């Protein structure tokens, strides 16, 4: 019965732990499979970096919404055929300015209110005949106690066509949407990392199968499992760094290009609404740090998975 090759006599054992010099590396350096793995890792890193960047932008936009809306309210004065809307608007402004917790009151001109509808109704449309409400923007003083409940009751009594909107419903909806985007982005990143780990595992097993004879010879001359696993780990870390670096760089270019396009398009009402909803298309230095971190994690996963796969493969061979 043939003994497992680990238990076979090891001829030519290296003296003092120094292995004989090899002319060829244990893991081939430039192969079609290696280049294909680099491309796969680059694509996966690109997707993971874009997802992480999108989640980061959504988180920042959510913070901006909460910060802006927490200190701002709006009074809507609806047109009523039985009332003078200009008089109601002036009365609502007067009542708002009498509230101690309101720091600033600004009645929005009719033309500005109409421009807010252009992204949905288009430009050049005559809205005079439409019952478009007039808006009054209130900025609150955070250092003064909030007494807006009494103000809302007074407003309904004095100006029946006016309503006070504290934006709580919209904040909840926007926060839910932002949290959904963040969770989806994190989920995509995790799935991509799992896919990268599986790709590296299959590539490692393929490389081990192709280098089986070399592995047996190395064992015969005294190499242990740790040495072989380290050789494969170093090789796949290099592939992971190449693929992760390429994918991360491509993601940075795409994010920067989107930011440039958004700034070039910023003069239009559609861009203003888009920026109000999703914030600026930029991730800042911290975002670029996240992209670099994603690429580094992919490389680390490539090395770790290859090491574990080699260890498992060697145990199966024995």
C-alpha atoms as a PDB file:
ATOM      1  CA  UNK A   1       0.000   0.000   0.000  1.00  0.00           C
ATOM      2  CA  UNK A   2       1.354   3.371  -0.978  1.00  0.00           C
ATOM      3  CA  UNK A   3       1.921   5.759   1.924  1.00  0.00           C
ATOM      4  CA  UNK A   4       0.674   9.355   1.821  1.00  0.00           C
ATOM      5  CA  UNK A   5       3.317  11.568   0.299  1.00  0.00           C
ATOM      6  CA  UNK A   6       3.679  13.502   3.567  1.00  0.00           C
ATOM      7  CA  UNK A   7       4.952  10.302   5.227  1.00  0.00           C
ATOM      8  CA  UNK A   8       7.316   9.397   2.407  1.00  0.00           C
ATOM      9  CA  UNK A   9      11.072   9.756   2.995  1.00  0.00           C
ATOM     10  CA  UNK A  10      12.145  13.284   2.059  1.00  0.00           C
ATOM     11  CA  UNK A  11      15.293  13.152  -0.023  1.00  0.00           C
ATOM     12  CA  UNK A  12      17.556  16.112  -0.348  1.00  0.00           C
ATOM     13  CA  UNK A  13      16.249  17.819   2.810  1.00  0.00           C
ATOM     14  CA  UNK A  14      17.380  21.431   3.037  1.00  0.00           C
ATOM     15  CA  UNK A  15      20.181  22.088   5.508  1.00  0.00           C
ATOM     16  CA  UNK A  16      19.516  24.640   8.253  1.00  0.00           C
ATOM     17  CA  UNK A  17      16.024  25.307   6.866  1.00  0.00           C
ATOM     18  CA  UNK A  18      17.315  26.723   3.563  1.00  0.00           C
ATOM     19  CA  UNK A  19      15.445  25.375   0.565  1.00  0.00           C
ATOM     20  CA  UNK A  20      17.115  24.652  -2.755  1.00  0.00           C
ATOM     21  CA  UNK A  21      16.786  27.461  -5.230  1.00  0.00           C
ATOM     22  CA  UNK A  22      14.031  27.118  -7.827  1.00  0.00           C
ATOM     23  CA  UNK A  23      14.302  28.514 -11.324  1.00  0.00           C
ATOM     24  CA  UNK A  24      10.492  28.780 -11.665  1.00  0.00           C
ATOM     25  CA  UNK A  25       8.082  30.156  -9.047  1.00  0.00           C
ATOM     26  CA  UNK A  26       5.721  27.743  -7.345  1.00  0.00           C
ATOM     27  CA  UNK A  27       2.730  29.800  -8.499  1.00  0.00           C
ATOM     28  CA  UNK A  28       2.992  30.906 -12.165  1.00  0.00           C
ATOM     29  CA  UNK A  29       3.346  34.677 -12.376  1.00  0.00           C
ATOM     30  CA  UNK A  30       1.773  35.574 -15.702  1.00  0.00           C
ATOM     31  CA  UNK A  31      -0.999  33.220 -16.778  1.00  0.00           C
ATOM     32  CA  UNK A  32      -4.369  33.611 -18.456  1.00  0.00           C
ATOM     33  CA  UNK A  33      -6.091  32.490 -15.254  1.00  0.00           C
ATOM     34  CA  UNK A  34      -4.140  35.056 -13.217  1.00  0.00           C
ATOM     35  CA  UNK A  35      -5.014  37.889 -15.586  1.00  0.00           C
ATOM     36  CA  UNK A  36      -8.655  36.815 -15.620  1.00  0.00           C
ATOM     37  CA  UNK A  37      -8.711  36.821 -11.811  1.00  0.00           C
ATOM     38  CA  UNK A  38      -7.278  40.342 -11.756  1.00  0.00           C
ATOM     39  CA  UNK A  39     -10.054  41.497 -14.100  1.00  0.00           C
ATOM     40  CA  UNK A  40     -12.733  39.811 -11.967  1.00  0.00           C
ATOM     41  CA  UNK A  41     -11.344  41.351  -8.768  1.00  0.00           C
ATOM     42  CA  UNK A  42     -11.141  44.773 -10.448  1.00  0.00           C
ATOM     43  CA  UNK A  43     -14.801  44.580 -11.524  1.00  0.00           C
ATOM     44  CA  UNK A  44     -15.937  43.420  -8.092  1.00  0.00           C
ATOM     45  CA  UNK A  45     -13.888  46.124  -6.350  1.00  0.00           C
ATOM     46  CA  UNK A  46     -15.303  48.741  -8.708  1.00  0.00           C
ATOM     47  CA  UNK A  47     -18.860  47.705  -7.840  1.00  0.00           C
ATOM     48  CA  UNK A  48     -18.094  47.542  -4.117  1.00  0.00           C
ATOM     49  CA  UNK A  49     -16.428  50.966  -4.145  1.00  0.00           C
ATOM     50  CA  UNK A  50     -19.350  52.551  -6.028  1.00  0.00           C
ATOM     51  CA  UNK A  51     -21.809  50.986  -3.580  1.00  0.00           C
ATOM     52  CA  UNK A  52     -19.804  52.214  -0.602  1.00  0.00           C
ATOM     53  CA  UNK A  53     -19.552  55.683  -2.148  1.00  0.00           C
ATOM     54  CA  UNK A  54     -23.291  55.761  -2.816  1.00  0.00           C
ATOM     55  CA  UNK A  55     -24.056  54.704   0.753  1.00  0.00           C
ATOM     56  CA  UNK A  56     -21.720  57.407   2.058  1.00  0.00           C
ATOM     57  CA  UNK A  57     -23.357  60.094  -0.098  1.00  0.00           C
ATOM     58  CA  UNK A  58     -26.807  58.948   1.057  1.00  0.00           C
ATOM     59  CA  UNK A  59     -25.714  59.148   4.701  1.00  0.00           C
ATOM     60  CA  UNK A  60     -24.364  62.672   4.209  1.00  0.00           C
ATOM     61  CA  UNK A  61     -27.486  63.786   2.363  1.00  0.00           C
ATOM     62  CA  UNK A  62     -29.639  62.400   5.180  1.00  0.00           C
ATOM     63  CA  UNK A  63     -27.661  64.388   7.733  1.00  0.00           C
ATOM     64  CA  UNK A  64     -28.055  67.542   5.642  1.00  0.00           C
ATOM     65  CA  UNK A  65     -31.808  67.009   5.361  1.00  0.00           C
ATOM     66  CA  UNK A  66     -32.206  66.569   9.108  1.00  0.00           C
ATOM     67  CA  UNK A  67     -30.016  69.564   9.870  1.00  0.00           C
ATOM     68  CA  UNK A  68     -31.802  71.820   7.396  1.00  0.00           C
ATOM     69  CA  UNK A  69     -35.347  70.730   8.211  1.00  0.00           C
ATOM     70  CA  UNK A  70     -34.884  70.698  11.979  1.00  0.00           C
ATOM     71  CA  UNK A  71     -34.588  74.507  11.999  1.00  0.00           C
ATOM     72  CA  UNK A  72     -37.022  75.305   9.207  1.00  0.00           C
ATOM     73  CA  UNK A  73     -40.792  75.278   8.730  1.00  0.00           C
ATOM     74  CA  UNK A  74     -43.130  76.414   5.990  1.00  0.00           C
ATOM     75  CA  UNK A  75     -46.481  78.136   5.975  1.00  0.00           C
ATOM     76  CA  UNK A  76     -48.663  77.360   2.975  1.00  0.00           C
ATOM     77  CA  UNK A  77     -51.330  79.905   2.114  1.00  0.00           C
ATOM     78  CA  UNK A  78     -53.815  78.298  -0.276  1.00  0.00           C
ATOM     79  CA  UNK A  79     -55.828  80.385  -2.750  1.00  0.00           C
ATOM     80  CA  UNK A  80     -59.446  80.882  -1.732  1.00  0.00           C
ATOM     81  CA  UNK A  81     -61.957  82.632  -4.071  1.00  0.00           C
ATOM     82  CA  UNK A  82     -63.638  84.173  -1.034  1.00  0.00           C
ATOM     83  CA  UNK A  83     -60.428  85.659   0.398  1.00  0.00           C
ATOM     84  CA  UNK A  84     -57.600  87.946  -0.681  1.00  0.00           C
ATOM     85  CA  UNK A  85     -54.485  85.778  -0.820  1.00  0.00           C
ATOM     86  CA  UNK A  86     -52.122  88.755  -0.560  1.00  0.00           C
ATOM     87  CA  UNK A  87     -53.853  89.953   2.598  1.00  0.00           C
ATOM     88  CA  UNK A  88     -53.746  86.418   4.063  1.00  0.00           C
ATOM     89  CA  UNK A  89     -50.052  86.203   3.164  1.00  0.00           C
ATOM     90  CA  UNK A  90     -49.281  89.489   4.906  1.00  0.00           C
ATOM     91  CA  UNK A  91     -51.278  88.479   7.999  1.00  0.00           C
ATOM     92  CA  UNK A  92     -49.511  85.129   8.233  1.00  0.00           C
ATOM     93  CA  UNK A  93     -46.117  86.884   8.002  1.00  0.00           C
ATOM     94  CA  UNK A  94     -47.175  89.283  10.761  1.00  0.00           C
ATOM     95  CA  UNK A  95     -48.255  86.446  13.043  1.00  0.00           C
ATOM     96  CA  UNK A  96     -45.052  84.491  12.411  1.00  0.00           C
ATOM     97  CA  UNK A  97     -42.822  87.444  13.238  1.00  0.00           C
ATOM     98  CA  UNK A  98     -44.541  87.756  16.608  1.00  0.00           C
ATOM     99  CA  UNK A  99     -43.444  84.254  17.641  1.00  0.00           C
ATOM    100  CA  UNK A 100     -40.294  84.368  19.847  1.00  0.00           C
ATOM    101  CA  UNK A 101     -38.908  81.049  18.560  1.00  0.00           C
ATOM    102  CA  UNK A 102     -39.026  82.209  14.916  1.00  0.00           C
ATOM    103  CA  UNK A 103     -35.764  83.921  13.991  1.00  0.00           C
ATOM    104  CA  UNK A 104     -36.499  84.747  10.360  1.00  0.00           C
ATOM    105  CA  UNK A 105     -39.625  85.012   8.207  1.00  0.00           C
ATOM    106  CA  UNK A 106     -39.492  85.212   4.414  1.00  0.00           C
ATOM    107  CA  UNK A 107     -42.480  85.281   2.109  1.00  0.00           C
ATOM    108  CA  UNK A 108     -41.489  83.534  -1.090  1.00  0.00           C
ATOM    109  CA  UNK A 109     -42.308  85.557  -4.249  1.00  0.00           C
ATOM    110  CA  UNK A 110     -44.801  84.048  -6.679  1.00  0.00           C
ATOM    111  CA  UNK A 111     -42.130  83.673  -9.375  1.00  0.00           C
ATOM    112  CA  UNK A 112     -39.881  81.710  -7.022  1.00  0.00           C
ATOM    113  CA  UNK A 113     -42.747  79.441  -6.034  1.00  0.00           C
ATOM    114  CA  UNK A 114     -43.480  78.794  -9.695  1.00  0.00           C
ATOM    115  CA  UNK A 115     -39.837  77.880 -10.365  1.00  0.00           C
ATOM    116  CA  UNK A 116     -40.091  75.125  -7.758  1.00  0.00           C
ATOM    117  CA  UNK A 117     -42.648  73.426 -10.000  1.00  0.00           C
ATOM    118  CA  UNK A 118     -40.616  73.643 -13.214  1.00  0.00           C
ATOM    119  CA  UNK A 119     -38.882  70.223 -12.806  1.00  0.00           C
ATOM    120  CA  UNK A 120     -42.346  68.583 -12.842  1.00  0.00           C
ATOM    121  CA  UNK A 121     -44.453  70.922 -14.987  1.00  0.00           C
ATOM    122  CA  UNK A 122     -41.778  72.321 -17.296  1.00  0.00           C
ATOM    123  CA  UNK A 123     -40.605  75.876 -17.903  1.00  0.00           C
ATOM    124  CA  UNK A 124     -42.682  78.587 -19.570  1.00  0.00           C
ATOM    125  CA  UNK A 125     -46.024  77.316 -18.293  1.00  0.00           C
ATOM    126  CA  UNK A 126     -48.457  80.012 -17.116  1.00  0.00           C
ATOM    127  CA  UNK A 127     -49.500  79.030 -13.579  1.00  0.00           C
ATOM    128  CA  UNK A 128     -51.635  82.067 -12.798  1.00  0.00           C
ATOM    129  CA  UNK A 129     -54.877  80.163 -13.299  1.00  0.00           C
ATOM    130  CA  UNK A 130     -53.726  77.228 -11.178  1.00  0.00           C
ATOM    131  CA  UNK A 131     -54.367  77.167  -7.398  1.00  0.00           C
ATOM    132  CA  UNK A 132     -50.674  77.257  -6.488  1.00  0.00           C
ATOM    133  CA  UNK A 133     -50.238  78.031  -2.762  1.00  0.00           C
ATOM    134  CA  UNK A 134     -47.980  80.834  -1.599  1.00  0.00           C
ATOM    135  CA  UNK A 135     -45.139  79.860   0.696  1.00  0.00           C
ATOM    136  CA  UNK A 136     -43.626  81.486   3.773  1.00  0.00           C
ATOM    137  CA  UNK A 137     -40.321  80.098   5.018  1.00  0.00           C
ATOM    138  CA  UNK A 138     -39.674  80.205   8.775  1.00  0.00           C
ATOM    139  CA  UNK A 139     -36.241  79.726  10.308  1.00  0.00           C
ATOM    140  CA  UNK A 140     -36.303  78.778  13.963  1.00  0.00           C
ATOM    141  CA  UNK A 141     -34.108  79.955  16.797  1.00  0.00           C
ATOM    142  CA  UNK A 142     -32.799  76.802  18.474  1.00  0.00           C
ATOM    143  CA  UNK A 143     -31.920  78.679  21.680  1.00  0.00           C
ATOM    144  CA  UNK A 144     -35.552  79.752  22.300  1.00  0.00           C
ATOM    145  CA  UNK A 145     -38.244  77.420  23.615  1.00  0.00           C
ATOM    146  CA  UNK A 146     -40.536  76.080  20.916  1.00  0.00           C
ATOM    147  CA  UNK A 147     -44.070  77.545  21.153  1.00  0.00           C
ATOM    148  CA  UNK A 148     -45.301  76.584  17.691  1.00  0.00           C
ATOM    149  CA  UNK A 149     -48.360  74.648  18.865  1.00  0.00           C
ATOM    150  CA  UNK A 150     -50.037  77.820  20.035  1.00  0.00           C
ATOM    151  CA  UNK A 151     -48.849  79.598  16.882  1.00  0.00           C
ATOM    152  CA  UNK A 152     -50.404  76.900  14.676  1.00  0.00           C
ATOM    153  CA  UNK A 153     -53.743  77.294  16.442  1.00  0.00           C
ATOM    154  CA  UNK A 154     -53.607  81.085  16.125  1.00  0.00           C
ATOM    155  CA  UNK A 155     -52.690  80.802  12.445  1.00  0.00           C
ATOM    156  CA  UNK A 156     -55.671  78.532  11.678  1.00  0.00           C
ATOM    157  CA  UNK A 157     -57.968  80.922  13.507  1.00  0.00           C
ATOM    158  CA  UNK A 158     -56.662  84.143  11.931  1.00  0.00           C
ATOM    159  CA  UNK A 159     -55.892  82.801   8.443  1.00  0.00           C
ATOM    160  CA  UNK A 160     -58.108  79.756   7.724  1.00  0.00           C
ATOM    161  CA  UNK A 161     -56.457  79.166   4.344  1.00  0.00           C
ATOM    162  CA  UNK A 162     -52.971  78.811   5.894  1.00  0.00           C
ATOM    163  CA  UNK A 163     -51.353  75.665   7.288  1.00  0.00           C
ATOM    164  CA  UNK A 164     -48.084  75.206   9.168  1.00  0.00           C
ATOM    165  CA  UNK A 165     -45.888  72.401   7.800  1.00  0.00           C
ATOM    166  CA  UNK A 166     -43.028  71.212  10.043  1.00  0.00           C
ATOM    167  CA  UNK A 167     -41.786  68.720   7.387  1.00  0.00           C
ATOM    168  CA  UNK A 168     -41.820  65.797   9.810  1.00  0.00           C
ATOM    169  CA  UNK A 169     -43.565  63.511   7.321  1.00  0.00           C
ATOM    170  CA  UNK A 170     -41.050  64.340   4.589  1.00  0.00           C
ATOM    171  CA  UNK A 171     -38.141  63.910   6.982  1.00  0.00           C
ATOM    172  CA  UNK A 172     -39.366  60.431   7.884  1.00  0.00           C
ATOM    173  CA  UNK A 173     -39.825  59.497   4.242  1.00  0.00           C
ATOM    174  CA  UNK A 174     -36.442  60.854   3.169  1.00  0.00           C
ATOM    175  CA  UNK A 175     -34.728  59.238   6.145  1.00  0.00           C
ATOM    176  CA  UNK A 176     -36.338  55.906   5.284  1.00  0.00           C
ATOM    177  CA  UNK A 177     -35.190  56.234   1.690  1.00  0.00           C
ATOM    178  CA  UNK A 178     -31.655  57.192   2.752  1.00  0.00           C
ATOM    179  CA  UNK A 179     -31.457  54.314   5.243  1.00  0.00           C
ATOM    180  CA  UNK A 180     -32.663  51.921   2.549  1.00  0.00           C
ATOM    181  CA  UNK A 181     -29.934  53.141   0.188  1.00  0.00           C
ATOM    182  CA  UNK A 182     -27.317  52.774   2.936  1.00  0.00           C
ATOM    183  CA  UNK A 183     -28.408  49.240   3.834  1.00  0.00           C
ATOM    184  CA  UNK A 184     -28.539  48.268   0.157  1.00  0.00           C
ATOM    185  CA  UNK A 185     -25.063  49.719  -0.425  1.00  0.00           C
ATOM    186  CA  UNK A 186     -23.605  47.854   2.537  1.00  0.00           C
ATOM    187  CA  UNK A 187     -25.357  44.678   1.405  1.00  0.00           C
ATOM    188  CA  UNK A 188     -23.902  44.995  -2.098  1.00  0.00           C
ATOM    189  CA  UNK A 189     -20.422  45.520  -0.636  1.00  0.00           C
ATOM    190  CA  UNK A 190     -20.761  42.375   1.491  1.00  0.00           C
ATOM    191  CA  UNK A 191     -22.031  40.315  -1.464  1.00  0.00           C
ATOM    192  CA  UNK A 192     -19.180  41.564  -3.636  1.00  0.00           C
ATOM    193  CA  UNK A 193     -16.629  40.616  -0.974  1.00  0.00           C
ATOM    194  CA  UNK A 194     -18.157  37.135  -0.746  1.00  0.00           C
ATOM    195  CA  UNK A 195     -18.021  36.837  -4.549  1.00  0.00           C
ATOM    196  CA  UNK A 196     -14.359  37.908  -4.511  1.00  0.00           C
ATOM    197  CA  UNK A 197     -13.582  35.299  -1.857  1.00  0.00           C
ATOM    198  CA  UNK A 198     -15.247  32.555  -3.912  1.00  0.00           C
ATOM    199  CA  UNK A 199     -13.387  33.632  -7.066  1.00  0.00           C
ATOM    200  CA  UNK A 200     -10.059  33.525  -5.230  1.00  0.00           C
ATOM    201  CA  UNK A 201     -10.889  30.136  -3.696  1.00  0.00           C
ATOM    202  CA  UNK A 202     -11.635  28.581  -7.097  1.00  0.00           C
ATOM    203  CA  UNK A 203      -8.548  30.200  -8.631  1.00  0.00           C
ATOM    204  CA  UNK A 204      -6.383  28.899  -5.784  1.00  0.00           C
ATOM    205  CA  UNK A 205      -7.665  25.357  -6.177  1.00  0.00           C
ATOM    206  CA  UNK A 206      -6.994  25.567  -9.902  1.00  0.00           C
ATOM    207  CA  UNK A 207      -3.451  26.799  -9.263  1.00  0.00           C
ATOM    208  CA  UNK A 208      -2.883  24.059  -6.691  1.00  0.00           C
ATOM    209  CA  UNK A 209      -4.085  21.411  -9.130  1.00  0.00           C
ATOM    210  CA  UNK A 210      -1.750  22.751 -11.805  1.00  0.00           C
ATOM    211  CA  UNK A 211       1.195  22.840  -9.377  1.00  0.00           C
ATOM    212  CA  UNK A 212       0.587  19.473  -7.734  1.00  0.00           C
ATOM    213  CA  UNK A 213       3.833  17.956  -8.997  1.00  0.00           C
ATOM    214  CA  UNK A 214       5.835  20.953  -7.821  1.00  0.00           C
ATOM    215  CA  UNK A 215       4.176  20.780  -4.399  1.00  0.00           C
ATOM    216  CA  UNK A 216       5.102  17.107  -4.047  1.00  0.00           C
ATOM    217  CA  UNK A 217       8.705  17.818  -5.012  1.00  0.00           C
ATOM    218  CA  UNK A 218       8.864  20.644  -2.462  1.00  0.00           C
ATOM    219  CA  UNK A 219       7.656  18.296   0.250  1.00  0.00           C
ATOM    220  CA  UNK A 220      10.296  15.758  -0.751  1.00  0.00           C
ATOM    221  CA  UNK A 221      13.049  18.351  -0.348  1.00  0.00           C
ATOM    222  CA  UNK A 222      11.784  19.481   3.049  1.00  0.00           C
ATOM    223  CA  UNK A 223       9.231  22.237   2.463  1.00  0.00           C
ATOM    224  CA  UNK A 224       6.372  22.284   4.945  1.00  0.00           C
ATOM    225  CA  UNK A 225       2.756  23.351   4.519  1.00  0.00           C
ATOM    226  CA  UNK A 226       3.444  26.797   5.973  1.00  0.00           C
ATOM    227  CA  UNK A 227       6.004  27.570   3.274  1.00  0.00           C
ATOM    228  CA  UNK A 228       3.695  26.459   0.455  1.00  0.00           C
ATOM    229  CA  UNK A 229       0.710  28.314   1.879  1.00  0.00           C
ATOM    230  CA  UNK A 230       2.822  31.466   2.208  1.00  0.00           C
ATOM    231  CA  UNK A 231       3.911  31.226  -1.432  1.00  0.00           C
ATOM    232  CA  UNK A 232       0.321  31.041  -2.642  1.00  0.00           C
ATOM    233  CA  UNK A 233      -0.812  33.716  -0.208  1.00  0.00           C
ATOM    234  CA  UNK A 234       1.815  36.191  -1.388  1.00  0.00           C
ATOM    235  CA  UNK A 235       0.941  35.532  -5.005  1.00  0.00           C
ATOM    236  CA  UNK A 236      -2.803  36.049  -4.528  1.00  0.00           C
ATOM    237  CA  UNK A 237      -2.278  39.125  -2.361  1.00  0.00           C
ATOM    238  CA  UNK A 238      -0.368  40.592  -5.304  1.00  0.00           C
ATOM    239  CA  UNK A 239      -3.213  39.718  -7.666  1.00  0.00           C
ATOM    240  CA  UNK A 240      -5.703  41.169  -5.198  1.00  0.00           C
ATOM    241  CA  UNK A 241      -3.753  44.414  -4.911  1.00  0.00           C
ATOM    242  CA  UNK A 242      -3.557  44.739  -8.690  1.00  0.00           C
ATOM    243  CA  UNK A 243      -7.252  44.054  -9.204  1.00  0.00           C
ATOM    244  CA  UNK A 244      -8.370  46.036  -6.167  1.00  0.00           C
ATOM    245  CA  UNK A 245      -6.189  49.001  -7.109  1.00  0.00           C
ATOM    246  CA  UNK A 246      -7.506  49.041 -10.669  1.00  0.00           C
ATOM    247  CA  UNK A 247     -11.131  48.739  -9.574  1.00  0.00           C
ATOM    248  CA  UNK A 248     -10.753  51.362  -6.840  1.00  0.00           C
ATOM    249  CA  UNK A 249      -9.045  53.795  -9.220  1.00  0.00           C
ATOM    250  CA  UNK A 250     -11.824  53.319 -11.786  1.00  0.00           C
ATOM    251  CA  UNK A 251     -14.445  53.965  -9.084  1.00  0.00           C
ATOM    252  CA  UNK A 252     -12.694  57.184  -8.024  1.00  0.00           C
ATOM    253  CA  UNK A 253     -12.612  58.355 -11.649  1.00  0.00           C
ATOM    254  CA  UNK A 254     -16.330  57.628 -12.107  1.00  0.00           C
ATOM    255  CA  UNK A 255     -17.298  59.393  -8.855  1.00  0.00           C
ATOM    256  CA  UNK A 256     -15.164  62.410  -9.747  1.00  0.00           C
ATOM    257  CA  UNK A 257     -16.705  62.475 -13.240  1.00  0.00           C
ATOM    258  CA  UNK A 258     -20.219  62.386 -11.777  1.00  0.00           C
ATOM    259  CA  UNK A 259     -19.294  65.257  -9.461  1.00  0.00           C
ATOM    260  CA  UNK A 260     -17.972  67.280 -12.392  1.00  0.00           C
ATOM    261  CA  UNK A 261     -21.106  66.614 -14.455  1.00  0.00           C
ATOM    262  CA  UNK A 262     -23.310  67.581 -11.496  1.00  0.00           C
ATOM    263  CA  UNK A 263     -21.432  70.873 -11.040  1.00  0.00           C
ATOM    264  CA  UNK A 264     -21.615  71.620 -14.771  1.00  0.00           C
ATOM    265  CA  UNK A 265     -25.354  70.926 -14.688  1.00  0.00           C
ATOM    266  CA  UNK A 266     -25.956  72.845 -11.461  1.00  0.00           C
ATOM    267  CA  UNK A 267     -27.549  75.895 -13.127  1.00  0.00           C
ATOM    268  CA  UNK A 268     -30.740  74.010 -14.023  1.00  0.00           C
ATOM    269  CA  UNK A 269     -33.787  73.537 -11.753  1.00  0.00           C
ATOM    270  CA  UNK A 270     -33.568  69.774 -12.222  1.00  0.00           C
ATOM    271  CA  UNK A 271     -30.035  69.770 -10.816  1.00  0.00           C
ATOM    272  CA  UNK A 272     -31.154  71.873  -7.840  1.00  0.00           C
ATOM    273  CA  UNK A 273     -33.882  69.375  -7.027  1.00  0.00           C
ATOM    274  CA  UNK A 274     -31.501  66.442  -7.492  1.00  0.00           C
ATOM    275  CA  UNK A 275     -28.936  68.025  -5.204  1.00  0.00           C
ATOM    276  CA  UNK A 276     -31.606  68.763  -2.626  1.00  0.00           C
ATOM    277  CA  UNK A 277     -32.645  65.114  -2.671  1.00  0.00           C
ATOM    278  CA  UNK A 278     -29.286  63.348  -2.870  1.00  0.00           C
ATOM    279  CA  UNK A 279     -26.740  65.994  -1.962  1.00  0.00           C
ATOM    280  CA  UNK A 280     -23.596  66.794  -3.922  1.00  0.00           C
ATOM    281  CA  UNK A 281     -22.068  63.986  -5.991  1.00  0.00           C
ATOM    282  CA  UNK A 282     -18.823  64.007  -4.055  1.00  0.00           C
ATOM    283  CA  UNK A 283     -17.529  61.792  -1.293  1.00  0.00           C
ATOM    284  CA  UNK A 284     -14.688  63.911   0.074  1.00  0.00           C
ATOM    285  CA  UNK A 285     -11.391  62.656   1.423  1.00  0.00           C
ATOM    286  CA  UNK A 286     -13.094  60.295   3.846  1.00  0.00           C
ATOM    287  CA  UNK A 287     -14.963  58.740   0.926  1.00  0.00           C
ATOM    288  CA  UNK A 288     -11.761  58.240  -1.020  1.00  0.00           C
ATOM    289  CA  UNK A 289     -10.339  56.657   2.124  1.00  0.00           C
ATOM    290  CA  UNK A 290     -13.293  54.240   2.116  1.00  0.00           C
ATOM    291  CA  UNK A 291     -12.550  53.329  -1.517  1.00  0.00           C
ATOM    292  CA  UNK A 292      -8.912  52.626  -0.630  1.00  0.00           C
ATOM    293  CA  UNK A 293     -10.074  50.580   2.358  1.00  0.00           C
ATOM    294  CA  UNK A 294     -12.354  48.496   0.135  1.00  0.00           C
ATOM    295  CA  UNK A 295      -9.445  47.765  -2.230  1.00  0.00           C
ATOM    296  CA  UNK A 296      -7.222  46.818   0.723  1.00  0.00           C
ATOM    297  CA  UNK A 297      -9.925  44.537   2.148  1.00  0.00           C
ATOM    298  CA  UNK A 298     -10.268  42.785  -1.210  1.00  0.00           C
ATOM    299  CA  UNK A 299      -6.498  42.183  -1.314  1.00  0.00           C
ATOM    300  CA  UNK A 300      -6.517  40.923   2.283  1.00  0.00           C
ATOM    301  CA  UNK A 301      -9.414  38.588   1.506  1.00  0.00           C
ATOM    302  CA  UNK A 302      -7.526  37.266  -1.525  1.00  0.00           C
ATOM    303  CA  UNK A 303      -4.512  36.435   0.633  1.00  0.00           C
ATOM    304  CA  UNK A 304      -6.503  34.953   3.509  1.00  0.00           C
ATOM    305  CA  UNK A 305      -8.792  32.847   1.322  1.00  0.00           C
ATOM    306  CA  UNK A 306      -5.880  31.527  -0.731  1.00  0.00           C
ATOM    307  CA  UNK A 307      -4.039  30.549   2.451  1.00  0.00           C
ATOM    308  CA  UNK A 308      -7.051  28.731   3.914  1.00  0.00           C
ATOM    309  CA  UNK A 309      -7.754  27.036   0.571  1.00  0.00           C
ATOM    310  CA  UNK A 310      -4.159  25.833   0.233  1.00  0.00           C
ATOM    311  CA  UNK A 311      -4.171  24.462   3.776  1.00  0.00           C
ATOM    312  CA  UNK A 312      -7.391  22.592   3.106  1.00  0.00           C
ATOM    313  CA  UNK A 313      -6.114  21.291  -0.241  1.00  0.00           C
ATOM    314  CA  UNK A 314      -2.879  20.026   1.305  1.00  0.00           C
ATOM    315  CA  UNK A 315      -4.790  18.211   4.030  1.00  0.00           C
ATOM    316  CA  UNK A 316      -6.974  16.597   1.376  1.00  0.00           C
ATOM    317  CA  UNK A 317      -3.894  15.512  -0.594  1.00  0.00           C
ATOM    318  CA  UNK A 318      -2.415  13.812   2.426  1.00  0.00           C
END
